[in-house]
């Protein structure tokens, strides 16, 4: 299967600026915004774009298109290829380097499942364990 890396998105949330083509491998994460009822696409260069529909639809779309996206929170799907590390202390989050990160779900079984999914998709992700509560994720 050939993987098409192109995706057309909107520069603004109402679509008035038209479409722009982005590269899916450059996406860090897809974030659902209940305030604007759209998916915000966060890019590796710091840009933000918008997609109509639900974050689950777009996350599943990315997976079925051959990309390694993982559902890490009810509002966030991350591109596992771009994840650099996962922190579990003090707040569970996925980090992409720099200042950009997104949250993960908090129950121990769900966190463990999420980290295992991320590591299956990208074994080079570093995991910073929660030593304070004396449990590890894997």
N, C-alpha and C. Protein backbone atom coordinates (compact mmCIF):
# COMPACT_ATOMS: atom_id res chain seq x y z
N UNK A 1 0.84 -1.18 0.00
CA UNK A 1 0.00 0.00 0.00
C UNK A 1 0.88 1.24 0.00
N UNK A 2 0.63 2.13 -0.92
CA UNK A 2 1.33 3.41 -0.93
C UNK A 2 0.66 4.34 0.08
N UNK A 3 1.48 4.99 0.90
CA UNK A 3 0.96 5.92 1.88
C UNK A 3 1.05 7.33 1.32
N UNK A 4 -0.09 7.98 1.20
CA UNK A 4 -0.15 9.35 0.72
C UNK A 4 0.04 10.27 1.92
N UNK A 5 1.13 11.05 1.97
CA UNK A 5 1.40 11.88 3.13
C UNK A 5 0.67 13.22 3.15
N UNK A 6 -0.12 13.51 2.12
CA UNK A 6 -0.77 14.81 2.00
C UNK A 6 -2.14 14.82 2.68
N UNK A 7 -2.46 15.95 3.30
CA UNK A 7 -3.76 16.17 3.90
C UNK A 7 -4.11 17.63 3.72
N UNK A 8 -5.32 17.91 3.30
CA UNK A 8 -5.77 19.28 3.17
C UNK A 8 -6.52 19.68 4.43
N UNK A 9 -6.16 20.82 4.98
CA UNK A 9 -6.73 21.33 6.22
C UNK A 9 -7.10 22.79 6.02
N UNK A 10 -7.77 23.37 7.00
CA UNK A 10 -8.14 24.78 6.96
C UNK A 10 -7.16 25.59 7.81
N UNK A 11 -6.81 26.76 7.33
CA UNK A 11 -5.93 27.65 8.07
C UNK A 11 -6.68 28.30 9.23
N UNK A 12 -7.97 28.50 9.08
CA UNK A 12 -8.77 29.09 10.15
C UNK A 12 -9.97 28.20 10.45
N UNK A 13 -10.60 28.44 11.56
CA UNK A 13 -11.65 27.51 12.01
C UNK A 13 -12.97 27.64 11.27
N UNK A 14 -13.16 28.71 10.51
CA UNK A 14 -14.40 28.81 9.73
C UNK A 14 -14.18 28.47 8.26
N UNK A 15 -12.94 28.23 7.87
CA UNK A 15 -12.65 27.82 6.51
C UNK A 15 -12.58 28.95 5.50
N UNK A 16 -12.69 30.19 5.95
CA UNK A 16 -12.70 31.33 5.04
C UNK A 16 -11.39 31.57 4.31
N UNK A 17 -10.29 31.06 4.86
CA UNK A 17 -8.98 31.25 4.22
C UNK A 17 -8.66 30.16 3.22
N UNK A 18 -9.58 29.22 3.08
CA UNK A 18 -9.38 28.14 2.12
C UNK A 18 -8.56 27.00 2.71
N UNK A 19 -8.11 26.13 1.81
CA UNK A 19 -7.39 24.94 2.23
C UNK A 19 -5.90 25.12 2.03
N UNK A 20 -5.15 24.32 2.79
CA UNK A 20 -3.71 24.27 2.63
C UNK A 20 -3.30 22.80 2.76
N UNK A 21 -2.30 22.41 1.99
CA UNK A 21 -1.84 21.02 2.03
C UNK A 21 -0.71 20.90 3.05
N UNK A 22 -0.85 19.93 3.97
CA UNK A 22 0.20 19.66 4.95
C UNK A 22 0.67 18.21 4.78
N UNK A 23 1.78 17.89 5.40
CA UNK A 23 2.32 16.54 5.38
C UNK A 23 1.96 15.85 6.69
N UNK A 24 1.28 14.73 6.62
CA UNK A 24 0.85 14.00 7.80
C UNK A 24 2.03 13.63 8.71
N UNK A 25 3.20 13.21 8.19
CA UNK A 25 4.32 12.91 9.08
C UNK A 25 4.77 14.09 9.95
N UNK A 26 4.42 15.32 9.56
CA UNK A 26 4.80 16.50 10.34
C UNK A 26 3.80 16.85 11.43
N UNK A 27 2.71 16.09 11.52
CA UNK A 27 1.71 16.34 12.57
C UNK A 27 2.25 15.79 13.89
N UNK A 28 2.16 16.62 14.95
CA UNK A 28 2.49 16.15 16.29
C UNK A 28 1.28 15.48 16.92
N UNK A 29 0.16 16.21 16.95
CA UNK A 29 -1.04 15.62 17.54
C UNK A 29 -2.30 16.26 16.98
N UNK A 30 -3.39 15.53 17.18
CA UNK A 30 -4.73 15.98 16.84
C UNK A 30 -5.45 16.22 18.17
N UNK A 31 -5.98 17.40 18.34
CA UNK A 31 -6.63 17.77 19.61
C UNK A 31 -8.08 18.17 19.35
N UNK A 32 -9.02 17.57 20.08
CA UNK A 32 -10.41 17.96 19.98
C UNK A 32 -10.64 19.19 20.84
N UNK A 33 -11.24 20.22 20.28
CA UNK A 33 -11.60 21.41 21.04
C UNK A 33 -13.11 21.46 21.15
N UNK A 34 -13.62 21.27 22.36
CA UNK A 34 -15.07 21.33 22.55
C UNK A 34 -15.57 22.76 22.41
N UNK A 35 -14.70 23.72 22.63
CA UNK A 35 -15.09 25.13 22.51
C UNK A 35 -15.47 25.49 21.07
N UNK A 36 -14.66 25.03 20.11
CA UNK A 36 -14.95 25.36 18.71
C UNK A 36 -15.54 24.16 17.95
N UNK A 37 -15.63 23.02 18.65
CA UNK A 37 -16.19 21.80 18.07
C UNK A 37 -15.48 21.39 16.77
N UNK A 38 -14.16 21.41 16.83
CA UNK A 38 -13.33 21.03 15.69
C UNK A 38 -12.06 20.36 16.20
N UNK A 39 -11.35 19.74 15.29
CA UNK A 39 -10.06 19.15 15.60
C UNK A 39 -8.98 20.17 15.25
N UNK A 40 -8.08 20.40 16.20
CA UNK A 40 -6.93 21.28 15.97
C UNK A 40 -5.75 20.38 15.63
N UNK A 41 -5.08 20.66 14.53
CA UNK A 41 -3.93 19.90 14.08
C UNK A 41 -2.68 20.67 14.47
N UNK A 42 -1.87 20.10 15.37
CA UNK A 42 -0.64 20.74 15.83
C UNK A 42 0.53 20.18 15.01
N UNK A 43 1.31 21.07 14.42
CA UNK A 43 2.40 20.68 13.53
C UNK A 43 3.76 20.83 14.20
N UNK A 44 4.76 20.14 13.67
CA UNK A 44 6.11 20.18 14.23
C UNK A 44 6.75 21.57 14.11
N UNK A 45 6.29 22.39 13.20
CA UNK A 45 6.83 23.75 13.05
C UNK A 45 6.09 24.77 13.91
N UNK A 46 5.15 24.31 14.75
CA UNK A 46 4.40 25.20 15.63
C UNK A 46 3.09 25.69 15.05
N UNK A 47 2.83 25.44 13.78
CA UNK A 47 1.59 25.89 13.14
C UNK A 47 0.40 25.08 13.65
N UNK A 48 -0.79 25.69 13.59
CA UNK A 48 -2.03 25.02 13.94
C UNK A 48 -3.00 25.14 12.77
N UNK A 49 -3.69 24.04 12.50
CA UNK A 49 -4.70 24.02 11.45
C UNK A 49 -5.96 23.38 12.01
N UNK A 50 -7.01 23.34 11.20
CA UNK A 50 -8.31 22.88 11.69
C UNK A 50 -8.95 21.88 10.73
N UNK A 51 -9.67 20.93 11.34
CA UNK A 51 -10.41 19.92 10.59
C UNK A 51 -11.82 19.80 11.19
N UNK A 52 -12.84 19.66 10.34
CA UNK A 52 -14.17 19.39 10.87
C UNK A 52 -14.27 17.93 11.29
N UNK A 53 -15.25 17.62 12.11
CA UNK A 53 -15.45 16.23 12.53
C UNK A 53 -14.87 15.97 13.90
N UNK A 54 -14.81 14.69 14.25
CA UNK A 54 -14.34 14.31 15.59
C UNK A 54 -12.89 13.88 15.55
N UNK A 55 -12.25 13.94 16.71
CA UNK A 55 -10.85 13.51 16.82
C UNK A 55 -10.74 12.00 16.63
N UNK A 56 -11.75 11.25 17.04
CA UNK A 56 -11.74 9.80 16.85
C UNK A 56 -11.77 9.46 15.37
N UNK A 57 -12.63 10.14 14.62
CA UNK A 57 -12.67 9.91 13.17
C UNK A 57 -11.30 10.14 12.56
N UNK A 58 -10.67 11.28 12.85
CA UNK A 58 -9.39 11.61 12.22
C UNK A 58 -8.27 10.71 12.72
N UNK A 59 -8.30 10.32 13.99
CA UNK A 59 -7.29 9.38 14.48
C UNK A 59 -7.38 8.04 13.78
N UNK A 60 -8.59 7.51 13.66
CA UNK A 60 -8.80 6.24 12.96
C UNK A 60 -8.46 6.37 11.47
N UNK A 61 -8.78 7.51 10.89
CA UNK A 61 -8.44 7.78 9.50
C UNK A 61 -6.93 7.71 9.29
N UNK A 62 -6.17 8.30 10.21
CA UNK A 62 -4.70 8.29 10.11
C UNK A 62 -4.17 6.85 10.20
N UNK A 63 -4.71 6.07 11.12
CA UNK A 63 -4.28 4.68 11.28
C UNK A 63 -4.59 3.88 10.02
N UNK A 64 -5.81 4.01 9.53
CA UNK A 64 -6.20 3.23 8.34
C UNK A 64 -5.46 3.69 7.08
N UNK A 65 -4.87 4.89 7.15
CA UNK A 65 -4.08 5.39 6.03
C UNK A 65 -2.61 5.00 6.14
N UNK A 66 -2.25 4.24 7.19
CA UNK A 66 -0.89 3.73 7.33
C UNK A 66 0.01 4.50 8.28
N UNK A 67 -0.53 5.44 9.02
CA UNK A 67 0.28 6.22 9.96
C UNK A 67 0.12 5.70 11.38
N UNK A 68 1.09 5.99 12.23
CA UNK A 68 1.13 5.45 13.60
C UNK A 68 0.62 6.48 14.60
N UNK A 69 -0.69 6.66 14.62
CA UNK A 69 -1.32 7.55 15.58
C UNK A 69 -1.88 6.72 16.74
N UNK A 70 -1.81 7.28 17.95
CA UNK A 70 -2.27 6.58 19.15
C UNK A 70 -3.20 7.50 19.93
N UNK A 71 -4.31 6.94 20.39
CA UNK A 71 -5.28 7.63 21.23
C UNK A 71 -4.71 7.68 22.65
N UNK A 72 -4.30 8.87 23.11
CA UNK A 72 -3.68 8.98 24.43
C UNK A 72 -4.58 9.63 25.46
N UNK A 73 -5.65 10.23 25.02
CA UNK A 73 -6.55 10.94 25.92
C UNK A 73 -7.87 11.11 25.18
N UNK A 74 -8.93 11.38 25.88
CA UNK A 74 -10.22 11.51 25.20
C UNK A 74 -10.22 12.64 24.19
N UNK A 75 -9.28 13.57 24.30
CA UNK A 75 -9.23 14.69 23.36
C UNK A 75 -7.98 14.72 22.51
N UNK A 76 -7.07 13.77 22.66
CA UNK A 76 -5.79 13.83 21.96
C UNK A 76 -5.40 12.50 21.31
N UNK A 77 -4.99 12.58 20.06
CA UNK A 77 -4.34 11.48 19.35
C UNK A 77 -2.97 12.00 18.93
N UNK A 78 -1.92 11.23 19.18
CA UNK A 78 -0.57 11.68 18.84
C UNK A 78 0.01 10.85 17.71
N UNK A 79 0.90 11.48 16.96
CA UNK A 79 1.66 10.79 15.93
C UNK A 79 2.86 10.18 16.64
N UNK A 80 2.83 8.88 16.90
CA UNK A 80 3.85 8.21 17.70
C UNK A 80 5.25 8.37 17.11
N UNK A 81 5.34 8.54 15.81
CA UNK A 81 6.65 8.72 15.17
C UNK A 81 7.35 10.00 15.66
N UNK A 82 6.59 10.97 16.13
CA UNK A 82 7.17 12.24 16.56
C UNK A 82 7.30 12.37 18.08
N UNK A 83 6.86 11.37 18.83
CA UNK A 83 6.96 11.42 20.29
C UNK A 83 8.41 11.15 20.70
N UNK A 84 8.94 12.00 21.57
CA UNK A 84 10.31 11.79 22.06
C UNK A 84 10.33 11.09 23.41
N UNK A 85 9.43 11.48 24.31
CA UNK A 85 9.37 10.81 25.61
C UNK A 85 7.99 10.94 26.21
N UNK A 86 7.73 10.09 27.20
CA UNK A 86 6.49 10.09 27.95
C UNK A 86 6.85 10.31 29.41
N UNK A 87 6.17 11.23 30.06
CA UNK A 87 6.37 11.48 31.49
C UNK A 87 5.15 10.97 32.25
N UNK A 88 5.39 10.42 33.43
CA UNK A 88 4.27 9.98 34.25
C UNK A 88 4.21 10.74 35.56
N UNK A 89 5.19 11.59 35.84
CA UNK A 89 5.26 12.31 37.10
C UNK A 89 5.65 13.76 36.84
N UNK A 90 4.97 14.77 37.30
CA UNK A 90 3.83 14.68 38.20
C UNK A 90 2.51 14.48 37.47
N UNK A 91 2.46 14.84 36.17
CA UNK A 91 1.24 14.66 35.39
C UNK A 91 1.57 13.83 34.16
N UNK A 92 0.76 12.83 33.86
CA UNK A 92 1.02 12.01 32.66
C UNK A 92 0.89 12.85 31.40
N UNK A 93 1.95 12.81 30.57
CA UNK A 93 1.90 13.57 29.33
C UNK A 93 2.87 13.00 28.30
N UNK A 94 2.57 13.30 27.05
CA UNK A 94 3.39 12.91 25.91
C UNK A 94 4.16 14.14 25.49
N UNK A 95 5.49 13.99 25.29
CA UNK A 95 6.33 15.14 24.97
C UNK A 95 6.98 14.98 23.60
N UNK A 96 7.04 16.07 22.89
CA UNK A 96 7.59 16.07 21.54
C UNK A 96 8.90 16.83 21.46
N UNK A 97 9.43 17.26 22.58
CA UNK A 97 10.61 18.11 22.60
C UNK A 97 10.18 19.56 22.67
N UNK A 98 11.10 20.42 23.05
CA UNK A 98 10.73 21.82 23.18
C UNK A 98 9.69 22.00 24.26
N UNK A 99 8.73 22.86 24.01
CA UNK A 99 7.71 23.15 25.02
C UNK A 99 6.36 22.51 24.72
N UNK A 100 6.25 21.77 23.64
CA UNK A 100 4.95 21.22 23.26
C UNK A 100 4.75 19.82 23.83
N UNK A 101 3.61 19.60 24.46
CA UNK A 101 3.24 18.30 24.99
C UNK A 101 1.73 18.20 25.02
N UNK A 102 1.22 16.98 25.22
CA UNK A 102 -0.21 16.81 25.41
C UNK A 102 -0.46 15.80 26.52
N UNK A 103 -1.62 15.87 27.13
CA UNK A 103 -1.93 15.04 28.30
C UNK A 103 -2.32 13.62 27.89
N UNK A 104 -2.19 12.70 28.87
CA UNK A 104 -2.64 11.32 28.72
C UNK A 104 -3.70 11.05 29.79
N UNK A 105 -4.50 9.99 29.59
CA UNK A 105 -5.47 9.58 30.60
C UNK A 105 -4.77 9.11 31.85
N UNK A 106 -5.45 9.24 33.00
CA UNK A 106 -4.78 9.06 34.26
C UNK A 106 -4.90 7.78 35.04
N UNK A 107 -5.81 6.86 34.75
CA UNK A 107 -5.87 5.66 35.57
C UNK A 107 -4.67 4.76 35.27
N UNK A 108 -4.20 4.03 36.27
CA UNK A 108 -3.01 3.20 36.07
C UNK A 108 -3.15 2.21 34.93
N UNK A 109 -4.24 1.44 34.85
CA UNK A 109 -4.36 0.49 33.73
C UNK A 109 -4.40 1.21 32.37
N UNK A 110 -5.09 2.33 32.30
CA UNK A 110 -5.18 3.06 31.03
C UNK A 110 -3.82 3.67 30.64
N UNK A 111 -3.10 4.21 31.63
CA UNK A 111 -1.77 4.75 31.35
C UNK A 111 -0.84 3.66 30.83
N UNK A 112 -0.89 2.52 31.48
CA UNK A 112 -0.03 1.41 31.07
C UNK A 112 -0.36 0.99 29.64
N UNK A 113 -1.64 0.87 29.34
CA UNK A 113 -2.08 0.50 27.99
C UNK A 113 -1.64 1.54 26.96
N UNK A 114 -1.76 2.81 27.31
CA UNK A 114 -1.37 3.89 26.40
C UNK A 114 0.12 3.87 26.12
N UNK A 115 0.93 3.73 27.17
CA UNK A 115 2.38 3.71 26.98
C UNK A 115 2.80 2.49 26.17
N UNK A 116 2.19 1.35 26.43
CA UNK A 116 2.51 0.16 25.64
C UNK A 116 2.15 0.35 24.17
N UNK A 117 1.02 1.00 23.90
CA UNK A 117 0.64 1.29 22.51
C UNK A 117 1.64 2.23 21.84
N UNK A 118 2.08 3.24 22.57
CA UNK A 118 3.07 4.16 22.03
C UNK A 118 4.38 3.45 21.74
N UNK A 119 4.82 2.58 22.65
CA UNK A 119 6.09 1.86 22.46
C UNK A 119 6.01 0.84 21.33
N UNK A 120 4.83 0.24 21.12
CA UNK A 120 4.67 -0.66 19.97
C UNK A 120 4.80 0.12 18.66
N UNK A 121 4.25 1.32 18.65
CA UNK A 121 4.30 2.15 17.44
C UNK A 121 5.68 2.78 17.23
N UNK A 122 6.38 3.06 18.32
CA UNK A 122 7.70 3.70 18.23
C UNK A 122 8.55 3.26 19.42
N UNK A 123 9.32 2.18 19.28
CA UNK A 123 10.12 1.65 20.39
C UNK A 123 11.21 2.59 20.90
N UNK A 124 11.52 3.66 20.18
CA UNK A 124 12.58 4.56 20.64
C UNK A 124 12.09 5.64 21.61
N UNK A 125 10.82 5.61 21.98
CA UNK A 125 10.29 6.59 22.93
C UNK A 125 10.86 6.30 24.31
N UNK A 126 11.36 7.34 24.98
CA UNK A 126 11.85 7.21 26.36
C UNK A 126 10.67 7.36 27.31
N UNK A 127 10.67 6.59 28.39
CA UNK A 127 9.61 6.66 29.39
C UNK A 127 10.21 7.08 30.71
N UNK A 128 9.70 8.17 31.28
CA UNK A 128 10.12 8.62 32.61
C UNK A 128 9.07 8.10 33.58
N UNK A 129 9.47 7.11 34.40
CA UNK A 129 8.53 6.44 35.29
C UNK A 129 8.17 7.28 36.50
N UNK A 130 7.03 6.93 37.09
CA UNK A 130 6.54 7.59 38.28
C UNK A 130 7.12 6.87 39.50
N UNK A 131 8.23 7.35 40.01
CA UNK A 131 8.87 6.69 41.15
C UNK A 131 8.22 7.10 42.47
N UNK A 132 7.57 8.24 42.50
CA UNK A 132 6.93 8.75 43.71
C UNK A 132 5.85 7.79 44.21
N UNK A 133 5.03 7.27 43.32
CA UNK A 133 3.94 6.38 43.70
C UNK A 133 4.36 4.90 43.66
N UNK A 134 5.59 4.65 43.32
CA UNK A 134 6.18 3.31 43.33
C UNK A 134 5.47 2.31 42.44
N UNK A 135 5.10 2.72 41.27
CA UNK A 135 4.61 1.78 40.26
C UNK A 135 5.19 2.19 38.94
N UNK A 136 5.41 1.22 38.11
CA UNK A 136 5.95 1.53 36.80
C UNK A 136 4.91 1.15 35.76
N UNK A 137 5.06 1.71 34.60
CA UNK A 137 4.06 1.51 33.56
C UNK A 137 4.25 0.20 32.81
N UNK A 138 5.48 -0.27 32.69
CA UNK A 138 5.70 -1.51 31.94
C UNK A 138 6.61 -2.43 32.72
